[in-house]
């Protein structure tokens, strides 16, 4: 069963513009090898849900990864920050 994304584009934009993201460094790229240099990363919680969010400036969107290790399930989404449209990855 796929977990529902509980994170909104409004929350992500708030975090992005208020210092909730940081530049990705060497060890971050170990887990996210496809991330572009200059990408930003954040760990966000919504209720009991934890997410790793990567902002790619050249695309203007975010990739969101479910950070719930206990579920033994991997969920990922891509979100357009302008429209809020979400694609399951």
PDB file of N, CA and C in Angstrom:
ATOM      1  N   UNK A   1       0.841  -1.176   0.000  1.00  0.00           N
ATOM      2  CA  UNK A   1       0.000   0.000   0.000  1.00  0.00           C
ATOM      3  C   UNK A   1       0.894   1.248   0.000  1.00  0.00           C
ATOM      4  N   UNK A   2       0.605   2.156  -0.873  1.00  0.00           N
ATOM      5  CA  UNK A   2       1.393   3.374  -1.017  1.00  0.00           C
ATOM      6  C   UNK A   2       0.917   4.417  -0.009  1.00  0.00           C
ATOM      7  N   UNK A   3       1.866   5.018   0.696  1.00  0.00           N
ATOM      8  CA  UNK A   3       1.531   6.095   1.626  1.00  0.00           C
ATOM      9  C   UNK A   3       1.124   7.340   0.861  1.00  0.00           C
ATOM     10  N   UNK A   4       0.181   8.067   1.415  1.00  0.00           N
ATOM     11  CA  UNK A   4      -0.264   9.323   0.818  1.00  0.00           C
ATOM     12  C   UNK A   4       0.689  10.439   1.233  1.00  0.00           C
ATOM     13  N   UNK A   5       1.022  11.301   0.306  1.00  0.00           N
ATOM     14  CA  UNK A   5       1.880  12.447   0.596  1.00  0.00           C
ATOM     15  C   UNK A   5       1.099  13.459   1.416  1.00  0.00           C
ATOM     16  N   UNK A   6       1.635  13.814   2.568  1.00  0.00           N
ATOM     17  CA  UNK A   6       0.966  14.748   3.469  1.00  0.00           C
ATOM     18  C   UNK A   6       1.590  16.142   3.425  1.00  0.00           C
ATOM     19  N   UNK A   7       2.596  16.321   2.616  1.00  0.00           N
ATOM     20  CA  UNK A   7       3.335  17.581   2.525  1.00  0.00           C
ATOM     21  C   UNK A   7       2.758  18.421   1.382  1.00  0.00           C
ATOM     22  N   UNK A   8       2.536  19.701   1.632  1.00  0.00           N
ATOM     23  CA  UNK A   8       1.952  20.584   0.613  1.00  0.00           C
ATOM     24  C   UNK A   8       3.021  21.490   0.004  1.00  0.00           C
ATOM     25  N   UNK A   9       2.724  22.016  -1.171  1.00  0.00           N
ATOM     26  CA  UNK A   9       3.669  22.946  -1.802  1.00  0.00           C
ATOM     27  C   UNK A   9       3.789  24.240  -0.982  1.00  0.00           C
ATOM     28  N   UNK A  10       2.736  24.633  -0.288  1.00  0.00           N
ATOM     29  CA  UNK A  10       2.792  25.826   0.570  1.00  0.00           C
ATOM     30  C   UNK A  10       3.800  25.625   1.698  1.00  0.00           C
ATOM     31  N   UNK A  11       3.761  24.471   2.350  1.00  0.00           N
ATOM     32  CA  UNK A  11       4.700  24.189   3.434  1.00  0.00           C
ATOM     33  C   UNK A  11       6.134  24.154   2.911  1.00  0.00           C
ATOM     34  N   UNK A  12       6.346  23.526   1.759  1.00  0.00           N
ATOM     35  CA  UNK A  12       7.690  23.437   1.195  1.00  0.00           C
ATOM     36  C   UNK A  12       8.216  24.825   0.857  1.00  0.00           C
ATOM     37  N   UNK A  13       7.386  25.667   0.248  1.00  0.00           N
ATOM     38  CA  UNK A  13       7.819  27.030  -0.087  1.00  0.00           C
ATOM     39  C   UNK A  13       8.136  27.836   1.169  1.00  0.00           C
ATOM     40  N   UNK A  14       7.347  27.668   2.227  1.00  0.00           N
ATOM     41  CA  UNK A  14       7.640  28.352   3.493  1.00  0.00           C
ATOM     42  C   UNK A  14       9.017  27.963   4.005  1.00  0.00           C
ATOM     43  N   UNK A  15       9.306  26.674   3.995  1.00  0.00           N
ATOM     44  CA  UNK A  15      10.604  26.178   4.475  1.00  0.00           C
ATOM     45  C   UNK A  15      11.736  26.661   3.568  1.00  0.00           C
ATOM     46  N   UNK A  16      11.489  26.664   2.281  1.00  0.00           N
ATOM     47  CA  UNK A  16      12.506  27.063   1.307  1.00  0.00           C
ATOM     48  C   UNK A  16      12.902  28.522   1.478  1.00  0.00           C
ATOM     49  N   UNK A  17      11.920  29.383   1.706  1.00  0.00           N
ATOM     50  CA  UNK A  17      12.187  30.816   1.801  1.00  0.00           C
ATOM     51  C   UNK A  17      12.481  31.303   3.218  1.00  0.00           C
ATOM     52  N   UNK A  18      12.361  30.413   4.206  1.00  0.00           N
ATOM     53  CA  UNK A  18      12.627  30.802   5.588  1.00  0.00           C
ATOM     54  C   UNK A  18      13.799  30.046   6.203  1.00  0.00           C
ATOM     55  N   UNK A  19      14.674  29.501   5.373  1.00  0.00           N
ATOM     56  CA  UNK A  19      15.888  28.866   5.886  1.00  0.00           C
ATOM     57  C   UNK A  19      15.746  27.423   6.309  1.00  0.00           C
ATOM     58  N   UNK A  20      14.679  26.762   5.930  1.00  0.00           N
ATOM     59  CA  UNK A  20      14.486  25.361   6.303  1.00  0.00           C
ATOM     60  C   UNK A  20      15.271  24.380   5.458  1.00  0.00           C
ATOM     61  N   UNK A  21      15.877  24.866   4.376  1.00  0.00           N
ATOM     62  CA  UNK A  21      16.692  24.016   3.500  1.00  0.00           C
ATOM     63  C   UNK A  21      18.150  24.428   3.659  1.00  0.00           C
ATOM     64  N   UNK A  22      19.055  23.503   3.389  1.00  0.00           N
ATOM     65  CA  UNK A  22      20.484  23.792   3.412  1.00  0.00           C
ATOM     66  C   UNK A  22      21.110  23.221   2.146  1.00  0.00           C
ATOM     67  N   UNK A  23      22.260  23.751   1.746  1.00  0.00           N
ATOM     68  CA  UNK A  23      22.944  23.202   0.570  1.00  0.00           C
ATOM     69  C   UNK A  23      23.361  21.751   0.819  1.00  0.00           C
ATOM     70  N   UNK A  24      23.229  20.932  -0.188  1.00  0.00           N
ATOM     71  CA  UNK A  24      23.682  19.545  -0.077  1.00  0.00           C
ATOM     72  C   UNK A  24      25.206  19.528  -0.051  1.00  0.00           C
ATOM     73  N   UNK A  25      25.750  18.655   0.787  1.00  0.00           N
ATOM     74  CA  UNK A  25      27.200  18.491   0.900  1.00  0.00           C
ATOM     75  C   UNK A  25      27.558  17.053   0.527  1.00  0.00           C
ATOM     76  N   UNK A  26      28.852  16.746   0.541  1.00  0.00           N
ATOM     77  CA  UNK A  26      29.359  15.453   0.094  1.00  0.00           C
ATOM     78  C   UNK A  26      28.560  14.231   0.496  1.00  0.00           C
ATOM     79  N   UNK A  27      28.319  14.043   1.798  1.00  0.00           N
ATOM     80  CA  UNK A  27      27.621  12.829   2.243  1.00  0.00           C
ATOM     81  C   UNK A  27      26.162  12.798   1.804  1.00  0.00           C
ATOM     82  N   UNK A  28      25.542  13.944   1.560  1.00  0.00           N
ATOM     83  CA  UNK A  28      24.163  13.959   1.065  1.00  0.00           C
ATOM     84  C   UNK A  28      24.073  13.305  -0.305  1.00  0.00           C
ATOM     85  N   UNK A  29      25.108  13.514  -1.116  1.00  0.00           N
ATOM     86  CA  UNK A  29      25.101  12.963  -2.472  1.00  0.00           C
ATOM     87  C   UNK A  29      25.299  11.451  -2.471  1.00  0.00           C
ATOM     88  N   UNK A  30      25.780  10.889  -1.353  1.00  0.00           N
ATOM     89  CA  UNK A  30      25.905   9.433  -1.260  1.00  0.00           C
ATOM     90  C   UNK A  30      24.538   8.775  -1.357  1.00  0.00           C
ATOM     91  N   UNK A  31      23.546   9.371  -0.745  1.00  0.00           N
ATOM     92  CA  UNK A  31      22.200   8.818  -0.771  1.00  0.00           C
ATOM     93  C   UNK A  31      21.358   9.287  -1.939  1.00  0.00           C
ATOM     94  N   UNK A  32      21.737  10.395  -2.537  1.00  0.00           N
ATOM     95  CA  UNK A  32      20.958  10.974  -3.635  1.00  0.00           C
ATOM     96  C   UNK A  32      21.919  11.313  -4.768  1.00  0.00           C
ATOM     97  N   UNK A  33      22.444  10.286  -5.407  1.00  0.00           N
ATOM     98  CA  UNK A  33      23.518  10.450  -6.392  1.00  0.00           C
ATOM     99  C   UNK A  33      23.083  11.222  -7.630  1.00  0.00           C
ATOM    100  N   UNK A  34      21.798  11.265  -7.913  1.00  0.00           N
ATOM    101  CA  UNK A  34      21.319  11.980  -9.098  1.00  0.00           C
ATOM    102  C   UNK A  34      21.074  13.465  -8.851  1.00  0.00           C
ATOM    103  N   UNK A  35      21.215  13.905  -7.615  1.00  0.00           N
ATOM    104  CA  UNK A  35      20.990  15.319  -7.304  1.00  0.00           C
ATOM    105  C   UNK A  35      22.060  16.183  -7.959  1.00  0.00           C
ATOM    106  N   UNK A  36      21.626  17.320  -8.480  1.00  0.00           N
ATOM    107  CA  UNK A  36      22.552  18.246  -9.140  1.00  0.00           C
ATOM    108  C   UNK A  36      23.352  19.036  -8.108  1.00  0.00           C
ATOM    109  N   UNK A  37      24.588  19.402  -8.451  1.00  0.00           N
ATOM    110  CA  UNK A  37      25.318  20.339  -7.587  1.00  0.00           C
ATOM    111  C   UNK A  37      24.486  21.611  -7.429  1.00  0.00           C
ATOM    112  N   UNK A  38      24.458  22.174  -6.243  1.00  0.00           N
ATOM    113  CA  UNK A  38      23.654  23.363  -5.976  1.00  0.00           C
ATOM    114  C   UNK A  38      22.275  23.049  -5.442  1.00  0.00           C
ATOM    115  N   UNK A  39      21.933  21.764  -5.364  1.00  0.00           N
ATOM    116  CA  UNK A  39      20.632  21.377  -4.814  1.00  0.00           C
ATOM    117  C   UNK A  39      20.590  21.634  -3.317  1.00  0.00           C
ATOM    118  N   UNK A  40      19.376  21.805  -2.807  1.00  0.00           N
ATOM    119  CA  UNK A  40      19.160  22.040  -1.379  1.00  0.00           C
ATOM    120  C   UNK A  40      18.391  20.861  -0.791  1.00  0.00           C
ATOM    121  N   UNK A  41      18.596  20.594   0.500  1.00  0.00           N
ATOM    122  CA  UNK A  41      17.942  19.459   1.150  1.00  0.00           C
ATOM    123  C   UNK A  41      17.309  19.903   2.460  1.00  0.00           C
ATOM    124  N   UNK A  42      16.208  19.236   2.814  1.00  0.00           N
ATOM    125  CA  UNK A  42      15.546  19.504   4.079  1.00  0.00           C
ATOM    126  C   UNK A  42      14.896  18.218   4.575  1.00  0.00           C
ATOM    127  N   UNK A  43      14.793  18.107   5.892  1.00  0.00           N
ATOM    128  CA  UNK A  43      14.083  17.003   6.538  1.00  0.00           C
ATOM    129  C   UNK A  43      12.856  17.606   7.186  1.00  0.00           C
ATOM    130  N   UNK A  44      11.683  17.246   6.684  1.00  0.00           N
ATOM    131  CA  UNK A  44      10.434  17.861   7.148  1.00  0.00           C
ATOM    132  C   UNK A  44       9.505  16.816   7.752  1.00  0.00           C
ATOM    133  N   UNK A  45       8.782  17.223   8.783  1.00  0.00           N
ATOM    134  CA  UNK A  45       7.796  16.350   9.419  1.00  0.00           C
ATOM    135  C   UNK A  45       6.420  16.971   9.300  1.00  0.00           C
ATOM    136  N   UNK A  46       5.441  16.113   9.049  1.00  0.00           N
ATOM    137  CA  UNK A  46       4.033  16.492   9.076  1.00  0.00           C
ATOM    138  C   UNK A  46       3.341  15.422   9.903  1.00  0.00           C
ATOM    139  N   UNK A  47       2.970  15.779  11.118  1.00  0.00           N
ATOM    140  CA  UNK A  47       2.403  14.770  12.010  1.00  0.00           C
ATOM    141  C   UNK A  47       3.395  13.654  12.250  1.00  0.00           C
ATOM    142  N   UNK A  48       2.997  12.419  11.976  1.00  0.00           N
ATOM    143  CA  UNK A  48       3.887  11.273  12.160  1.00  0.00           C
ATOM    144  C   UNK A  48       4.696  10.950  10.902  1.00  0.00           C
ATOM    145  N   UNK A  49       4.520  11.734   9.857  1.00  0.00           N
ATOM    146  CA  UNK A  49       5.197  11.496   8.582  1.00  0.00           C
ATOM    147  C   UNK A  49       6.490  12.311   8.504  1.00  0.00           C
ATOM    148  N   UNK A  50       7.568  11.658   8.081  1.00  0.00           N
ATOM    149  CA  UNK A  50       8.872  12.315   7.908  1.00  0.00           C
ATOM    150  C   UNK A  50       9.279  12.226   6.452  1.00  0.00           C
ATOM    151  N   UNK A  51       9.803  13.325   5.932  1.00  0.00           N
ATOM    152  CA  UNK A  51      10.189  13.379   4.527  1.00  0.00           C
ATOM    153  C   UNK A  51      11.573  13.989   4.357  1.00  0.00           C
ATOM    154  N   UNK A  52      12.275  13.517   3.344  1.00  0.00           N
ATOM    155  CA  UNK A  52      13.489  14.159   2.873  1.00  0.00           C
ATOM    156  C   UNK A  52      13.077  14.872   1.592  1.00  0.00           C
ATOM    157  N   UNK A  53      13.349  16.162   1.506  1.00  0.00           N
ATOM    158  CA  UNK A  53      12.929  16.961   0.352  1.00  0.00           C
ATOM    159  C   UNK A  53      14.170  17.582  -0.282  1.00  0.00           C
ATOM    160  N   UNK A  54      14.304  17.389  -1.591  1.00  0.00           N
ATOM    161  CA  UNK A  54      15.438  17.946  -2.333  1.00  0.00           C
ATOM    162  C   UNK A  54      14.909  18.938  -3.360  1.00  0.00           C
ATOM    163  N   UNK A  55      15.399  20.171  -3.270  1.00  0.00           N
ATOM    164  CA  UNK A  55      15.036  21.223  -4.219  1.00  0.00           C
ATOM    165  C   UNK A  55      16.137  21.343  -5.253  1.00  0.00           C
ATOM    166  N   UNK A  56      15.746  21.266  -6.532  1.00  0.00           N
ATOM    167  CA  UNK A  56      16.680  21.399  -7.639  1.00  0.00           C
ATOM    168  C   UNK A  56      16.433  22.746  -8.304  1.00  0.00           C
ATOM    169  N   UNK A  57      17.312  23.733  -8.085  1.00  0.00           N
ATOM    170  CA  UNK A  57      17.075  25.084  -8.607  1.00  0.00           C
ATOM    171  C   UNK A  57      16.897  25.146 -10.123  1.00  0.00           C
ATOM    172  N   UNK A  58      17.626  24.345 -10.873  1.00  0.00           N
ATOM    173  CA  UNK A  58      17.526  24.418 -12.332  1.00  0.00           C
ATOM    174  C   UNK A  58      16.169  23.948 -12.838  1.00  0.00           C
ATOM    175  N   UNK A  59      15.466  23.122 -12.051  1.00  0.00           N
ATOM    176  CA  UNK A  59      14.153  22.632 -12.458  1.00  0.00           C
ATOM    177  C   UNK A  59      13.021  23.381 -11.778  1.00  0.00           C
ATOM    178  N   UNK A  60      13.299  23.939 -10.597  1.00  0.00           N
ATOM    179  CA  UNK A  60      12.266  24.653  -9.864  1.00  0.00           C
ATOM    180  C   UNK A  60      11.255  23.738  -9.204  1.00  0.00           C
ATOM    181  N   UNK A  61      11.618  22.469  -9.023  1.00  0.00           N
ATOM    182  CA  UNK A  61      10.705  21.534  -8.381  1.00  0.00           C
ATOM    183  C   UNK A  61      11.418  20.815  -7.247  1.00  0.00           C
ATOM    184  N   UNK A  62      10.685  19.966  -6.541  1.00  0.00           N
ATOM    185  CA  UNK A  62      11.273  19.197  -5.456  1.00  0.00           C
ATOM    186  C   UNK A  62      10.997  17.719  -5.663  1.00  0.00           C
ATOM    187  N   UNK A  63      11.915  16.920  -5.173  1.00  0.00           N
ATOM    188  CA  UNK A  63      11.689  15.487  -5.057  1.00  0.00           C
ATOM    189  C   UNK A  63      11.517  15.211  -3.574  1.00  0.00           C
ATOM    190  N   UNK A  64      10.526  14.404  -3.271  1.00  0.00           N
ATOM    191  CA  UNK A  64      10.161  14.132  -1.888  1.00  0.00           C
ATOM    192  C   UNK A  64      10.266  12.633  -1.656  1.00  0.00           C
ATOM    193  N   UNK A  65      10.945  12.265  -0.579  1.00  0.00           N
ATOM    194  CA  UNK A  65      11.144  10.862  -0.247  1.00  0.00           C
ATOM    195  C   UNK A  65      10.586  10.605   1.145  1.00  0.00           C
ATOM    196  N   UNK A  66       9.756   9.566   1.253  1.00  0.00           N
ATOM    197  CA  UNK A  66       9.217   9.155   2.545  1.00  0.00           C
ATOM    198  C   UNK A  66      10.373   8.647   3.388  1.00  0.00           C
ATOM    199  N   UNK A  67      10.524   9.170   4.590  1.00  0.00           N
ATOM    200  CA  UNK A  67      11.653   8.830   5.440  1.00  0.00           C
ATOM    201  C   UNK A  67      11.227   7.902   6.578  1.00  0.00           C
ATOM    202  N   UNK A  68      10.184   7.073   6.353  1.00  0.00           N
ATOM    203  CA  UNK A  68       9.671   6.175   7.380  1.00  0.00           C
ATOM    204  C   UNK A  68      10.300   4.800   7.216  1.00  0.00           C
ATOM    205  N   UNK A  69      11.363   4.549   7.954  1.00  0.00           N
ATOM    206  CA  UNK A  69      12.094   3.295   7.845  1.00  0.00           C
ATOM    207  C   UNK A  69      11.265   2.125   8.362  1.00  0.00           C
ATOM    208  N   UNK A  70      10.427   2.357   9.351  1.00  0.00           N
ATOM    209  CA  UNK A  70       9.644   1.292   9.968  1.00  0.00           C
ATOM    210  C   UNK A  70       8.643   0.648   9.014  1.00  0.00           C
ATOM    211  N   UNK A  71       8.179   1.378   8.014  1.00  0.00           N
ATOM    212  CA  UNK A  71       7.165   0.827   7.117  1.00  0.00           C
ATOM    213  C   UNK A  71       7.738  -0.172   6.118  1.00  0.00           C
ATOM    214  N   UNK A  72       9.065  -0.194   5.972  1.00  0.00           N
ATOM    215  CA  UNK A  72       9.732  -1.083   5.000  1.00  0.00           C
ATOM    216  C   UNK A  72       9.201  -0.849   3.588  1.00  0.00           C
ATOM    217  N   UNK A  73       8.756   0.349   3.332  1.00  0.00           N
ATOM    218  CA  UNK A  73       8.192   0.715   2.039  1.00  0.00           C
ATOM    219  C   UNK A  73       8.850   2.005   1.590  1.00  0.00           C
ATOM    220  N   UNK A  74       9.176   2.078   0.308  1.00  0.00           N
ATOM    221  CA  UNK A  74       9.821   3.274  -0.224  1.00  0.00           C
ATOM    222  C   UNK A  74       8.812   4.034  -1.061  1.00  0.00           C
ATOM    223  N   UNK A  75       8.621   5.304  -0.730  1.00  0.00           N
ATOM    224  CA  UNK A  75       7.717   6.165  -1.487  1.00  0.00           C
ATOM    225  C   UNK A  75       8.469   7.414  -1.916  1.00  0.00           C
ATOM    226  N   UNK A  76       8.226   7.846  -3.147  1.00  0.00           N
ATOM    227  CA  UNK A  76       8.873   9.055  -3.654  1.00  0.00           C
ATOM    228  C   UNK A  76       7.917   9.776  -4.591  1.00  0.00           C
ATOM    229  N   UNK A  77       8.024  11.101  -4.564  1.00  0.00           N
ATOM    230  CA  UNK A  77       7.172  11.946  -5.396  1.00  0.00           C
ATOM    231  C   UNK A  77       8.005  13.076  -5.968  1.00  0.00           C
ATOM    232  N   UNK A  78       7.522  13.655  -7.050  1.00  0.00           N
ATOM    233  CA  UNK A  78       8.086  14.900  -7.570  1.00  0.00           C
ATOM    234  C   UNK A  78       6.953  15.914  -7.587  1.00  0.00           C
ATOM    235  N   UNK A  79       7.241  17.130  -7.074  1.00  0.00           N
ATOM    236  CA  UNK A  79       6.213  18.158  -6.968  1.00  0.00           C
ATOM    237  C   UNK A  79       6.662  19.426  -7.678  1.00  0.00           C
ATOM    238  N   UNK A  80       5.765  19.963  -8.487  1.00  0.00           N
ATOM    239  CA  UNK A  80       5.964  21.262  -9.106  1.00  0.00           C
ATOM    240  C   UNK A  80       5.555  22.313  -8.075  1.00  0.00           C
ATOM    241  N   UNK A  81       6.486  23.161  -7.662  1.00  0.00           N
ATOM    242  CA  UNK A  81       6.177  24.128  -6.606  1.00  0.00           C
ATOM    243  C   UNK A  81       5.224  25.225  -7.051  1.00  0.00           C
ATOM    244  N   UNK A  82       5.144  25.489  -8.344  1.00  0.00           N
ATOM    245  CA  UNK A  82       4.216  26.526  -8.811  1.00  0.00           C
ATOM    246  C   UNK A  82       2.775  26.058  -8.781  1.00  0.00           C
ATOM    247  N   UNK A  83       2.550  24.839  -9.242  1.00  0.00           N
ATOM    248  CA  UNK A  83       1.180  24.328  -9.363  1.00  0.00           C
ATOM    249  C   UNK A  83       0.763  23.413  -8.226  1.00  0.00           C
ATOM    250  N   UNK A  84       1.732  22.814  -7.549  1.00  0.00           N
ATOM    251  CA  UNK A  84       1.426  21.827  -6.517  1.00  0.00           C
ATOM    252  C   UNK A  84       1.142  20.439  -7.087  1.00  0.00           C
ATOM    253  N   UNK A  85       1.246  20.294  -8.416  1.00  0.00           N
ATOM    254  CA  UNK A  85       1.031  18.988  -9.031  1.00  0.00           C
ATOM    255  C   UNK A  85       2.091  18.011  -8.569  1.00  0.00           C
ATOM    256  N   UNK A  86       1.660  16.786  -8.291  1.00  0.00           N
ATOM    257  CA  UNK A  86       2.536  15.746  -7.765  1.00  0.00           C
ATOM    258  C   UNK A  86       2.509  14.539  -8.691  1.00  0.00           C
ATOM    259  N   UNK A  87       3.698  13.979  -8.928  1.00  0.00           N
ATOM    260  CA  UNK A  87       3.843  12.758  -9.715  1.00  0.00           C
ATOM    261  C   UNK A  87       4.465  11.700  -8.811  1.00  0.00           C
ATOM    262  N   UNK A  88       3.877  10.517  -8.767  1.00  0.00           N
ATOM    263  CA  UNK A  88       4.497   9.406  -8.040  1.00  0.00           C
ATOM    264  C   UNK A  88       5.725   8.948  -8.803  1.00  0.00           C
ATOM    265  N   UNK A  89       6.809   8.718  -8.077  1.00  0.00           N
ATOM    266  CA  UNK A  89       8.036   8.197  -8.694  1.00  0.00           C
ATOM    267  C   UNK A  89       8.190   6.730  -8.335  1.00  0.00           C
TER     268      UNK A  89
END
